[in-house]
Amino acid sequence: MSDKNYLAKDGKTFGPYDSKSLDALKSSGEFYTYEWVWDGVSPNWEPVPRKMKGPPPMPAQAVPQDDKKPTTSKKSKTLKSYCSIAFDNRTTLSADLSDVHDSGGRLTSLHSTAQAFPKGAMIWLDILDEETDQAGKVKARVEAASCTEGRWIYTVSWSKFPF
């Protein structure tokens, strides 16, 4: 980010903020109360990534019970949640990326919206790790899509996770 960063929410612009002030706002959590950020150089405002924890586990009665013994998976899984922007050539969606493993994860839309991507769609994910400030991009395939309380949940797969 530059030394002239601006933040916006509710149609009002705040700033400029230097990088040190912006880092302090991030540390305090206040940064995440804003809707938009602009680095003073880019041609457009960018949505402020949401600092979210992963969704809670499914209630016991909603999880299908299986008489089989649990199997161990060779997939390494992380409990970490990432901010992400999912997009194809027509649609952009801000989402939380959770249940991440070597070959896929779960993408949950941050806002109530119509279904953005059908099953089988190829999409790109811009991913931000807010703990380390690492960013990466991965091409993914939508394996499944379902809607719960107006938010879309996509099961996605990829060949290699960027982190």
Protein backbone atom coordinates (compact mmCIF):
# COMPACT_ATOMS: atom_id res chain seq x y z
CA MET A 1 0.00 0.00 0.00
CA SER A 2 1.09 3.59 -0.56
CA ASP A 3 1.44 6.35 1.99
CA LYS A 4 -1.86 7.89 0.90
CA ASN A 5 -4.48 5.27 1.59
CA TYR A 6 -8.15 6.08 1.90
CA LEU A 7 -11.01 4.20 3.54
CA ALA A 8 -14.74 4.57 2.92
CA LYS A 9 -18.02 3.51 4.49
CA ASP A 10 -21.61 4.68 4.31
CA GLY A 11 -20.70 6.86 1.32
CA LYS A 12 -18.07 8.86 3.26
CA THR A 13 -14.31 8.92 2.57
CA PHE A 14 -11.69 8.96 5.34
CA GLY A 15 -7.97 9.57 5.11
CA PRO A 16 -5.34 9.79 3.87
CA TYR A 17 -3.62 7.18 6.08
CA ASP A 18 0.03 6.25 5.84
CA SER A 19 1.02 2.56 5.93
CA LYS A 20 1.84 2.68 9.65
CA SER A 21 -1.58 4.16 10.53
CA LEU A 22 -3.31 1.59 8.32
CA ASP A 23 -1.45 -1.24 10.10
CA ALA A 24 -2.58 0.20 13.46
CA LEU A 25 -6.18 0.27 12.24
CA LYS A 26 -5.85 -3.38 11.15
CA SER A 27 -4.38 -4.39 14.53
CA SER A 28 -7.20 -2.69 16.42
CA GLY A 29 -9.82 -4.22 14.12
CA GLU A 30 -11.22 -0.80 13.15
CA PHE A 31 -9.95 -1.22 9.56
CA TYR A 32 -12.45 -4.05 9.05
CA THR A 33 -15.42 -1.80 9.89
CA TYR A 34 -14.89 0.07 6.62
CA GLU A 35 -16.34 -1.07 3.29
CA TRP A 36 -13.75 0.15 0.77
CA VAL A 37 -10.01 0.86 0.58
CA TRP A 38 -8.06 2.79 -2.04
CA ASP A 39 -4.27 3.03 -2.15
CA GLY A 40 -4.26 6.43 -3.86
CA VAL A 41 -2.66 4.91 -6.97
CA SER A 42 -4.93 2.15 -8.31
CA PRO A 43 -7.73 3.13 -10.70
CA ASN A 44 -10.46 1.66 -8.45
CA TRP A 45 -11.53 1.20 -4.86
CA GLU A 46 -11.21 -2.37 -3.52
CA PRO A 47 -13.55 -4.02 -0.99
CA VAL A 48 -12.08 -4.24 2.50
CA PRO A 49 -11.44 -7.93 3.22
CA ARG A 50 -13.60 -9.24 6.04
CA LYS A 51 -11.80 -10.65 9.04
CA MET A 52 -13.95 -13.69 9.70
CA LYS A 53 -13.63 -16.89 11.58
CA GLY A 54 -14.74 -20.05 9.84
CA PRO A 55 -18.38 -21.04 10.16
CA PRO A 56 -19.39 -23.14 13.17
CA PRO A 57 -19.68 -26.92 12.85
CA MET A 58 -22.95 -28.26 11.54
CA PRO A 59 -25.51 -29.23 14.21
CA ALA A 60 -25.42 -32.95 15.01
CA GLN A 61 -28.92 -33.59 13.64
CA ALA A 62 -27.95 -32.04 10.28
CA VAL A 63 -24.93 -34.26 9.76
CA PRO A 64 -25.85 -37.54 8.04
CA GLN A 65 -25.05 -40.49 10.24
CA ASP A 66 -23.12 -43.30 8.61
CA ASP A 67 -22.75 -46.80 10.03
CA LYS A 68 -19.29 -47.07 8.52
CA LYS A 69 -16.22 -46.43 10.59
CA PRO A 70 -14.59 -43.09 9.86
CA THR A 71 -11.82 -43.21 7.32
CA THR A 72 -8.63 -41.25 7.54
CA SER A 73 -7.95 -38.82 4.76
CA LYS A 74 -4.57 -38.17 3.26
CA LYS A 75 -5.60 -34.56 2.68
CA SER A 76 -3.91 -32.16 5.06
CA LYS A 77 -6.50 -29.76 6.37
CA THR A 78 -6.20 -26.35 7.96
CA LEU A 79 -8.59 -24.71 10.39
CA LYS A 80 -7.59 -21.35 8.98
CA SER A 81 -10.05 -19.15 7.15
CA TYR A 82 -9.08 -16.86 4.28
CA CYS A 83 -10.65 -13.80 2.69
CA SER A 84 -11.24 -14.35 -0.98
CA ILE A 85 -12.68 -12.90 -4.13
CA ALA A 86 -14.09 -15.52 -6.49
CA PHE A 87 -14.62 -14.59 -10.12
CA ASP A 88 -15.10 -15.77 -13.65
CA ASN A 89 -15.56 -13.76 -16.85
CA ARG A 90 -19.03 -12.56 -15.76
CA THR A 91 -19.30 -12.56 -11.98
CA THR A 92 -17.35 -11.45 -8.92
CA LEU A 93 -18.15 -12.67 -5.41
CA SER A 94 -16.57 -11.83 -2.05
CA ALA A 95 -16.40 -14.93 0.10
CA ASP A 96 -14.85 -16.66 3.08
CA LEU A 97 -12.66 -19.63 2.18
CA SER A 98 -12.61 -22.32 4.89
CA ASP A 99 -12.07 -26.06 5.38
CA VAL A 100 -9.00 -25.67 3.18
CA HIS A 101 -6.95 -28.74 2.25
CA ASP A 102 -4.42 -29.59 -0.44
CA SER A 103 -7.02 -30.11 -3.15
CA GLY A 104 -9.99 -27.93 -2.20
CA GLY A 105 -12.10 -26.07 0.32
CA ARG A 106 -15.43 -24.42 1.06
CA LEU A 107 -16.32 -20.98 -0.24
CA THR A 108 -19.13 -19.11 1.57
CA SER A 109 -20.54 -15.90 0.08
CA LEU A 110 -20.33 -12.92 2.44
CA HIS A 111 -23.55 -11.33 1.22
CA SER A 112 -26.99 -12.60 0.35
CA THR A 113 -26.95 -13.02 -3.40
CA ALA A 114 -28.22 -15.08 -6.29
CA GLN A 115 -26.18 -18.14 -7.21
CA ALA A 116 -22.97 -16.82 -8.76
CA PHE A 117 -21.43 -20.03 -10.08
CA PRO A 118 -23.05 -23.30 -11.22
CA LYS A 119 -21.66 -26.73 -10.47
CA GLY A 120 -18.81 -27.50 -12.87
CA ALA A 121 -17.84 -23.85 -13.40
CA MET A 122 -14.16 -22.93 -13.54
CA ILE A 123 -13.42 -19.88 -11.39
CA TRP A 124 -10.43 -17.94 -10.09
CA LEU A 125 -9.90 -17.22 -6.40
CA ASP A 126 -7.85 -14.26 -5.17
CA ILE A 127 -6.98 -15.30 -1.62
CA LEU A 128 -5.70 -13.17 1.26
CA ASP A 129 -4.17 -14.57 4.43
CA GLU A 130 -4.77 -11.69 6.84
CA GLU A 131 -2.45 -13.15 9.48
CA THR A 132 0.61 -13.11 7.21
CA ASP A 133 -0.53 -10.57 4.57
CA GLN A 134 0.21 -13.19 1.89
CA ALA A 135 -1.92 -13.14 -1.22
CA GLY A 136 -2.30 -15.80 -3.86
CA LYS A 137 -4.42 -16.83 -6.82
CA VAL A 138 -5.71 -20.27 -7.71
CA LYS A 139 -7.91 -21.66 -10.46
CA ALA A 140 -10.69 -23.79 -9.00
CA ARG A 141 -13.63 -25.93 -10.10
CA VAL A 142 -17.05 -25.68 -8.42
CA GLU A 143 -17.88 -29.23 -7.32
CA ALA A 144 -21.14 -28.42 -5.49
CA ALA A 145 -23.31 -25.42 -4.64
CA SER A 146 -25.99 -25.00 -1.98
CA CYS A 147 -27.79 -22.07 -0.36
CA THR A 148 -28.31 -21.63 3.39
CA GLU A 149 -30.01 -18.55 4.83
CA GLY A 150 -29.41 -16.60 1.62
CA ARG A 151 -25.67 -17.31 1.48
CA TRP A 152 -24.21 -19.59 -1.14
CA ILE A 153 -21.76 -22.30 -0.13
CA TYR A 154 -19.54 -23.72 -2.85
CA THR A 155 -17.35 -26.79 -2.56
CA VAL A 156 -14.34 -26.05 -4.73
CA SER A 157 -11.34 -28.08 -5.86
CA TRP A 158 -7.93 -27.09 -7.19
CA SER A 159 -4.71 -28.79 -8.17
CA LYS A 160 -2.40 -26.82 -5.85
CA PHE A 161 -3.18 -24.37 -3.03
CA PRO A 162 -0.96 -21.25 -3.19
CA PHE A 163 0.10 -21.22 0.49
